[in-house]
Amino acid sequence: MMGRLRQIRMIYVKYEWGNWMYHGRTSWPQAIWFLSILLMLALLDGTTKFTWLVPPFAATLTILLLLPKSPIAQPIPVIVGTTLAASFGTAVSMIAHGPIYAVLAALAMVILLPLLRIYHPPGVALSMYPLLLHTNIWFPFLVVLPVTLIAVSSCSVLSRLSKNWANYPLPLRKG
């Protein structure tokens, strides 16, 4: 009886909800990598200035770990898309600040980044930060660019060293 219920449940999950459910797992090396990068960011200078950056970078790391074959996880969208979005937000912050301008910057990035084929969702969030938190003019290059470079390069190296890690990044060309 119990075996039959399990079989029915598996059929239900496979055919009814299977496309909506994520079936991967995070390994211990991946969890340690995730924690290390976020702790580095959170402890960057001992103030709360950079702690606010942890959520979008946590989203970036999650995408790199769990969706490594997705176009939004590849190095160019992660590094260039996110840095460009933060740069756009910084440029707008030289003229104005506030939530309305942050929303407009996010909207601009939702439109522009896919057109440029460098869409990375956390980049949209990072375009809002300069308008909400009054970051300095070098924010995209002193914070966003280095953290995304560290995340992408370390993920790439670890994917080659650990058998529990999916291959990352995808090759530039098929073949």
C-alpha atoms as a PDB file:
ATOM      1  CA  MET A   1       0.000   0.000   0.000  1.00  0.00           C
ATOM      2  CA  MET A   2       2.766   2.468   0.982  1.00  0.00           C
ATOM      3  CA  GLY A   3       4.709   1.701  -2.215  1.00  0.00           C
ATOM      4  CA  ARG A   4       1.608   2.368  -4.318  1.00  0.00           C
ATOM      5  CA  LEU A   5       1.049   5.754  -2.625  1.00  0.00           C
ATOM      6  CA  ARG A   6       4.655   6.718  -3.275  1.00  0.00           C
ATOM      7  CA  GLN A   7       4.283   5.708  -6.938  1.00  0.00           C
ATOM      8  CA  ILE A   8       1.100   7.785  -7.291  1.00  0.00           C
ATOM      9  CA  ARG A   9       2.780  10.758  -5.622  1.00  0.00           C
ATOM     10  CA  MET A  10       5.793  10.536  -7.956  1.00  0.00           C
ATOM     11  CA  ILE A  11       3.523  10.395 -11.007  1.00  0.00           C
ATOM     12  CA  TYR A  12       1.613  13.431  -9.727  1.00  0.00           C
ATOM     13  CA  VAL A  13       4.782  15.443  -9.094  1.00  0.00           C
ATOM     14  CA  LYS A  14       6.366  14.403 -12.382  1.00  0.00           C
ATOM     15  CA  TYR A  15       3.410  15.220 -14.601  1.00  0.00           C
ATOM     16  CA  GLU A  16       1.544  17.947 -12.753  1.00  0.00           C
ATOM     17  CA  TRP A  17       4.217  20.059 -11.107  1.00  0.00           C
ATOM     18  CA  GLY A  18       7.452  18.758 -12.600  1.00  0.00           C
ATOM     19  CA  ASN A  19       8.021  21.705 -14.947  1.00  0.00           C
ATOM     20  CA  TRP A  20       7.536  24.190 -12.121  1.00  0.00           C
ATOM     21  CA  MET A  21       9.848  22.560  -9.621  1.00  0.00           C
ATOM     22  CA  TYR A  22      13.616  22.795  -9.352  1.00  0.00           C
ATOM     23  CA  HIS A  23      15.231  19.379  -8.988  1.00  0.00           C
ATOM     24  CA  GLY A  24      18.901  20.267  -8.420  1.00  0.00           C
ATOM     25  CA  ARG A  25      20.860  20.237  -5.189  1.00  0.00           C
ATOM     26  CA  THR A  26      23.570  22.405  -3.670  1.00  0.00           C
ATOM     27  CA  SER A  27      26.729  20.579  -2.627  1.00  0.00           C
ATOM     28  CA  TRP A  28      28.829  21.437   0.426  1.00  0.00           C
ATOM     29  CA  PRO A  29      31.634  22.997  -1.649  1.00  0.00           C
ATOM     30  CA  GLN A  30      29.049  25.208  -3.356  1.00  0.00           C
ATOM     31  CA  ALA A  31      27.506  26.236  -0.048  1.00  0.00           C
ATOM     32  CA  ILE A  32      30.944  27.128   1.355  1.00  0.00           C
ATOM     33  CA  TRP A  33      31.733  29.169  -1.790  1.00  0.00           C
ATOM     34  CA  PHE A  34      28.393  30.970  -1.495  1.00  0.00           C
ATOM     35  CA  LEU A  35      28.972  31.745   2.191  1.00  0.00           C
ATOM     36  CA  SER A  36      32.574  32.871   1.636  1.00  0.00           C
ATOM     37  CA  ILE A  37      31.723  35.431  -1.031  1.00  0.00           C
ATOM     38  CA  LEU A  38      28.769  36.837   0.884  1.00  0.00           C
ATOM     39  CA  LEU A  39      30.788  37.080   4.103  1.00  0.00           C
ATOM     40  CA  MET A  40      33.572  38.847   2.210  1.00  0.00           C
ATOM     41  CA  LEU A  41      31.047  41.387   0.969  1.00  0.00           C
ATOM     42  CA  ALA A  42      29.272  41.752   4.313  1.00  0.00           C
ATOM     43  CA  LEU A  43      32.543  42.294   6.168  1.00  0.00           C
ATOM     44  CA  LEU A  44      34.137  44.455   3.473  1.00  0.00           C
ATOM     45  CA  ASP A  45      34.574  47.511   5.637  1.00  0.00           C
ATOM     46  CA  GLY A  46      32.840  46.801   8.918  1.00  0.00           C
ATOM     47  CA  THR A  47      29.981  49.219   8.321  1.00  0.00           C
ATOM     48  CA  THR A  48      26.470  48.652   7.035  1.00  0.00           C
ATOM     49  CA  LYS A  49      27.261  50.482   3.791  1.00  0.00           C
ATOM     50  CA  PHE A  50      27.993  47.272   1.884  1.00  0.00           C
ATOM     51  CA  THR A  51      25.647  45.007   3.818  1.00  0.00           C
ATOM     52  CA  TRP A  52      22.801  46.373   1.717  1.00  0.00           C
ATOM     53  CA  LEU A  53      24.526  44.909  -1.331  1.00  0.00           C
ATOM     54  CA  VAL A  54      24.318  41.355  -0.040  1.00  0.00           C
ATOM     55  CA  PRO A  55      20.795  40.575  -1.420  1.00  0.00           C
ATOM     56  CA  PRO A  56      21.488  41.259  -5.129  1.00  0.00           C
ATOM     57  CA  PHE A  57      24.840  39.495  -4.934  1.00  0.00           C
ATOM     58  CA  ALA A  58      23.192  36.564  -3.132  1.00  0.00           C
ATOM     59  CA  ALA A  59      20.804  36.395  -6.089  1.00  0.00           C
ATOM     60  CA  THR A  60      23.752  36.468  -8.515  1.00  0.00           C
ATOM     61  CA  LEU A  61      25.529  33.661  -6.650  1.00  0.00           C
ATOM     62  CA  THR A  62      22.316  31.624  -6.565  1.00  0.00           C
ATOM     63  CA  ILE A  63      21.930  32.006 -10.326  1.00  0.00           C
ATOM     64  CA  LEU A  64      25.553  30.931 -10.848  1.00  0.00           C
ATOM     65  CA  LEU A  65      25.060  27.873  -8.632  1.00  0.00           C
ATOM     66  CA  LEU A  66      21.628  26.663  -9.594  1.00  0.00           C
ATOM     67  CA  LEU A  67      21.209  27.910 -13.169  1.00  0.00           C
ATOM     68  CA  PRO A  68      24.756  27.722 -14.601  1.00  0.00           C
ATOM     69  CA  LYS A  69      23.535  26.946 -18.113  1.00  0.00           C
ATOM     70  CA  SER A  70      21.110  29.857 -18.218  1.00  0.00           C
ATOM     71  CA  PRO A  71      21.966  32.853 -20.422  1.00  0.00           C
ATOM     72  CA  ILE A  72      21.565  35.144 -17.400  1.00  0.00           C
ATOM     73  CA  ALA A  73      24.322  33.218 -15.583  1.00  0.00           C
ATOM     74  CA  GLN A  74      27.012  33.593 -18.224  1.00  0.00           C
ATOM     75  CA  PRO A  75      30.010  35.864 -17.599  1.00  0.00           C
ATOM     76  CA  ILE A  76      29.110  38.724 -19.958  1.00  0.00           C
ATOM     77  CA  PRO A  77      25.602  39.329 -18.560  1.00  0.00           C
ATOM     78  CA  VAL A  78      26.807  38.893 -14.975  1.00  0.00           C
ATOM     79  CA  ILE A  79      29.862  41.138 -15.198  1.00  0.00           C
ATOM     80  CA  VAL A  80      29.026  43.619 -17.950  1.00  0.00           C
ATOM     81  CA  GLY A  81      25.253  43.724 -17.477  1.00  0.00           C
ATOM     82  CA  THR A  82      25.460  44.250 -13.736  1.00  0.00           C
ATOM     83  CA  THR A  83      28.253  46.835 -13.954  1.00  0.00           C
ATOM     84  CA  LEU A  84      26.455  48.724 -16.732  1.00  0.00           C
ATOM     85  CA  ALA A  85      23.228  48.757 -14.701  1.00  0.00           C
ATOM     86  CA  ALA A  86      25.017  50.054 -11.606  1.00  0.00           C
ATOM     87  CA  SER A  87      26.773  52.668 -13.775  1.00  0.00           C
ATOM     88  CA  PHE A  88      23.452  53.812 -15.184  1.00  0.00           C
ATOM     89  CA  GLY A  89      22.007  54.165 -11.690  1.00  0.00           C
ATOM     90  CA  THR A  90      25.110  56.084 -10.625  1.00  0.00           C
ATOM     91  CA  ALA A  91      24.812  58.449 -13.595  1.00  0.00           C
ATOM     92  CA  VAL A  92      21.160  59.135 -12.808  1.00  0.00           C
ATOM     93  CA  SER A  93      22.034  59.682  -9.133  1.00  0.00           C
ATOM     94  CA  MET A  94      24.189  62.656 -10.148  1.00  0.00           C
ATOM     95  CA  ILE A  95      21.001  64.391 -11.242  1.00  0.00           C
ATOM     96  CA  ALA A  96      18.406  63.104  -8.775  1.00  0.00           C
ATOM     97  CA  HIS A  97      17.768  60.689  -5.897  1.00  0.00           C
ATOM     98  CA  GLY A  98      14.760  58.886  -4.512  1.00  0.00           C
ATOM     99  CA  PRO A  99      12.469  55.929  -5.020  1.00  0.00           C
ATOM    100  CA  ILE A 100      10.731  57.298  -8.138  1.00  0.00           C
ATOM    101  CA  TYR A 101      14.053  57.698  -9.936  1.00  0.00           C
ATOM    102  CA  ALA A 102      15.160  54.277  -8.712  1.00  0.00           C
ATOM    103  CA  VAL A 103      12.042  52.743 -10.240  1.00  0.00           C
ATOM    104  CA  LEU A 104      12.679  54.566 -13.512  1.00  0.00           C
ATOM    105  CA  ALA A 105      16.306  53.368 -13.549  1.00  0.00           C
ATOM    106  CA  ALA A 106      15.134  49.787 -12.969  1.00  0.00           C
ATOM    107  CA  LEU A 107      12.585  50.115 -15.778  1.00  0.00           C
ATOM    108  CA  ALA A 108      15.270  51.456 -18.114  1.00  0.00           C
ATOM    109  CA  MET A 109      17.491  48.465 -17.287  1.00  0.00           C
ATOM    110  CA  VAL A 110      14.648  45.983 -17.813  1.00  0.00           C
ATOM    111  CA  ILE A 111      14.277  47.448 -21.299  1.00  0.00           C
ATOM    112  CA  LEU A 112      17.933  48.132 -22.176  1.00  0.00           C
ATOM    113  CA  LEU A 113      19.792  45.065 -20.859  1.00  0.00           C
ATOM    114  CA  PRO A 114      17.753  42.502 -22.850  1.00  0.00           C
ATOM    115  CA  LEU A 115      18.169  44.640 -25.982  1.00  0.00           C
ATOM    116  CA  LEU A 116      21.919  44.516 -25.461  1.00  0.00           C
ATOM    117  CA  ARG A 117      21.639  40.780 -24.713  1.00  0.00           C
ATOM    118  CA  ILE A 118      23.327  41.215 -21.315  1.00  0.00           C
ATOM    119  CA  TYR A 119      20.322  40.863 -19.008  1.00  0.00           C
ATOM    120  CA  HIS A 120      21.132  39.776 -15.466  1.00  0.00           C
ATOM    121  CA  PRO A 121      18.198  40.305 -13.031  1.00  0.00           C
ATOM    122  CA  PRO A 122      20.275  41.359  -9.987  1.00  0.00           C
ATOM    123  CA  GLY A 123      21.740  44.088 -12.194  1.00  0.00           C
ATOM    124  CA  VAL A 124      18.303  45.685 -12.278  1.00  0.00           C
ATOM    125  CA  ALA A 125      18.343  45.826  -8.475  1.00  0.00           C
ATOM    126  CA  LEU A 126      21.865  47.244  -8.452  1.00  0.00           C
ATOM    127  CA  SER A 127      20.790  50.039 -10.812  1.00  0.00           C
ATOM    128  CA  MET A 128      18.509  51.238  -8.013  1.00  0.00           C
ATOM    129  CA  TYR A 129      21.106  51.266  -5.222  1.00  0.00           C
ATOM    130  CA  PRO A 130      22.873  54.546  -6.089  1.00  0.00           C
ATOM    131  CA  LEU A 131      19.516  56.309  -6.206  1.00  0.00           C
ATOM    132  CA  LEU A 132      18.383  54.944  -2.857  1.00  0.00           C
ATOM    133  CA  LEU A 133      21.613  54.725  -0.854  1.00  0.00           C
ATOM    134  CA  HIS A 134      23.665  57.637  -2.221  1.00  0.00           C
ATOM    135  CA  THR A 135      26.694  55.556  -3.196  1.00  0.00           C
ATOM    136  CA  ASN A 136      29.758  57.319  -4.525  1.00  0.00           C
ATOM    137  CA  ILE A 137      30.568  57.755  -8.199  1.00  0.00           C
ATOM    138  CA  TRP A 138      33.006  54.814  -8.195  1.00  0.00           C
ATOM    139  CA  PHE A 139      30.471  52.315  -6.821  1.00  0.00           C
ATOM    140  CA  PRO A 140      30.116  50.327 -10.096  1.00  0.00           C
ATOM    141  CA  PHE A 141      33.873  49.949 -10.489  1.00  0.00           C
ATOM    142  CA  LEU A 142      35.028  49.594  -6.885  1.00  0.00           C
ATOM    143  CA  VAL A 143      32.249  47.324  -5.643  1.00  0.00           C
ATOM    144  CA  VAL A 144      30.087  45.788  -8.393  1.00  0.00           C
ATOM    145  CA  LEU A 145      32.794  44.969 -10.937  1.00  0.00           C
ATOM    146  CA  PRO A 146      35.236  43.323  -8.484  1.00  0.00           C
ATOM    147  CA  VAL A 147      32.561  41.243  -6.745  1.00  0.00           C
ATOM    148  CA  THR A 148      31.098  39.998 -10.043  1.00  0.00           C
ATOM    149  CA  LEU A 149      34.594  39.219 -11.363  1.00  0.00           C
ATOM    150  CA  ILE A 150      35.396  37.258  -8.193  1.00  0.00           C
ATOM    151  CA  ALA A 151      32.075  35.405  -8.343  1.00  0.00           C
ATOM    152  CA  VAL A 152      32.359  34.444 -12.018  1.00  0.00           C
ATOM    153  CA  SER A 153      36.044  33.549 -11.999  1.00  0.00           C
ATOM    154  CA  SER A 154      35.882  31.544  -8.767  1.00  0.00           C
ATOM    155  CA  CYS A 155      32.763  29.709  -9.967  1.00  0.00           C
ATOM    156  CA  SER A 156      34.538  28.870 -13.219  1.00  0.00           C
ATOM    157  CA  VAL A 157      37.662  27.584 -11.464  1.00  0.00           C
ATOM    158  CA  LEU A 158      35.709  25.590  -8.892  1.00  0.00           C
ATOM    159  CA  SER A 159      33.519  24.028 -11.583  1.00  0.00           C
ATOM    160  CA  ARG A 160      36.666  22.539 -13.076  1.00  0.00           C
ATOM    161  CA  LEU A 161      38.071  21.379  -9.725  1.00  0.00           C
ATOM    162  CA  SER A 162      34.938  19.881  -8.152  1.00  0.00           C
ATOM    163  CA  LYS A 163      33.011  16.969  -9.619  1.00  0.00           C
ATOM    164  CA  ASN A 164      29.896  18.160  -7.724  1.00  0.00           C
ATOM    165  CA  TRP A 165      29.866  21.449  -9.618  1.00  0.00           C
ATOM    166  CA  ALA A 166      28.185  21.914 -12.992  1.00  0.00           C
ATOM    167  CA  ASN A 167      30.427  23.054 -15.844  1.00  0.00           C
ATOM    168  CA  TYR A 168      30.589  26.819 -15.919  1.00  0.00           C
ATOM    169  CA  PRO A 169      30.565  28.880 -18.062  1.00  0.00           C
ATOM    170  CA  LEU A 170      29.048  27.555 -21.239  1.00  0.00           C
ATOM    171  CA  PRO A 171      31.415  27.578 -24.235  1.00  0.00           C
ATOM    172  CA  LEU A 172      31.229  30.694 -26.402  1.00  0.00           C
ATOM    173  CA  ARG A 173      30.413  28.664 -29.490  1.00  0.00           C
ATOM    174  CA  LYS A 174      28.657  25.362 -29.985  1.00  0.00           C
ATOM    175  CA  GLY A 175      30.764  22.728 -31.535  1.00  0.00           C
END
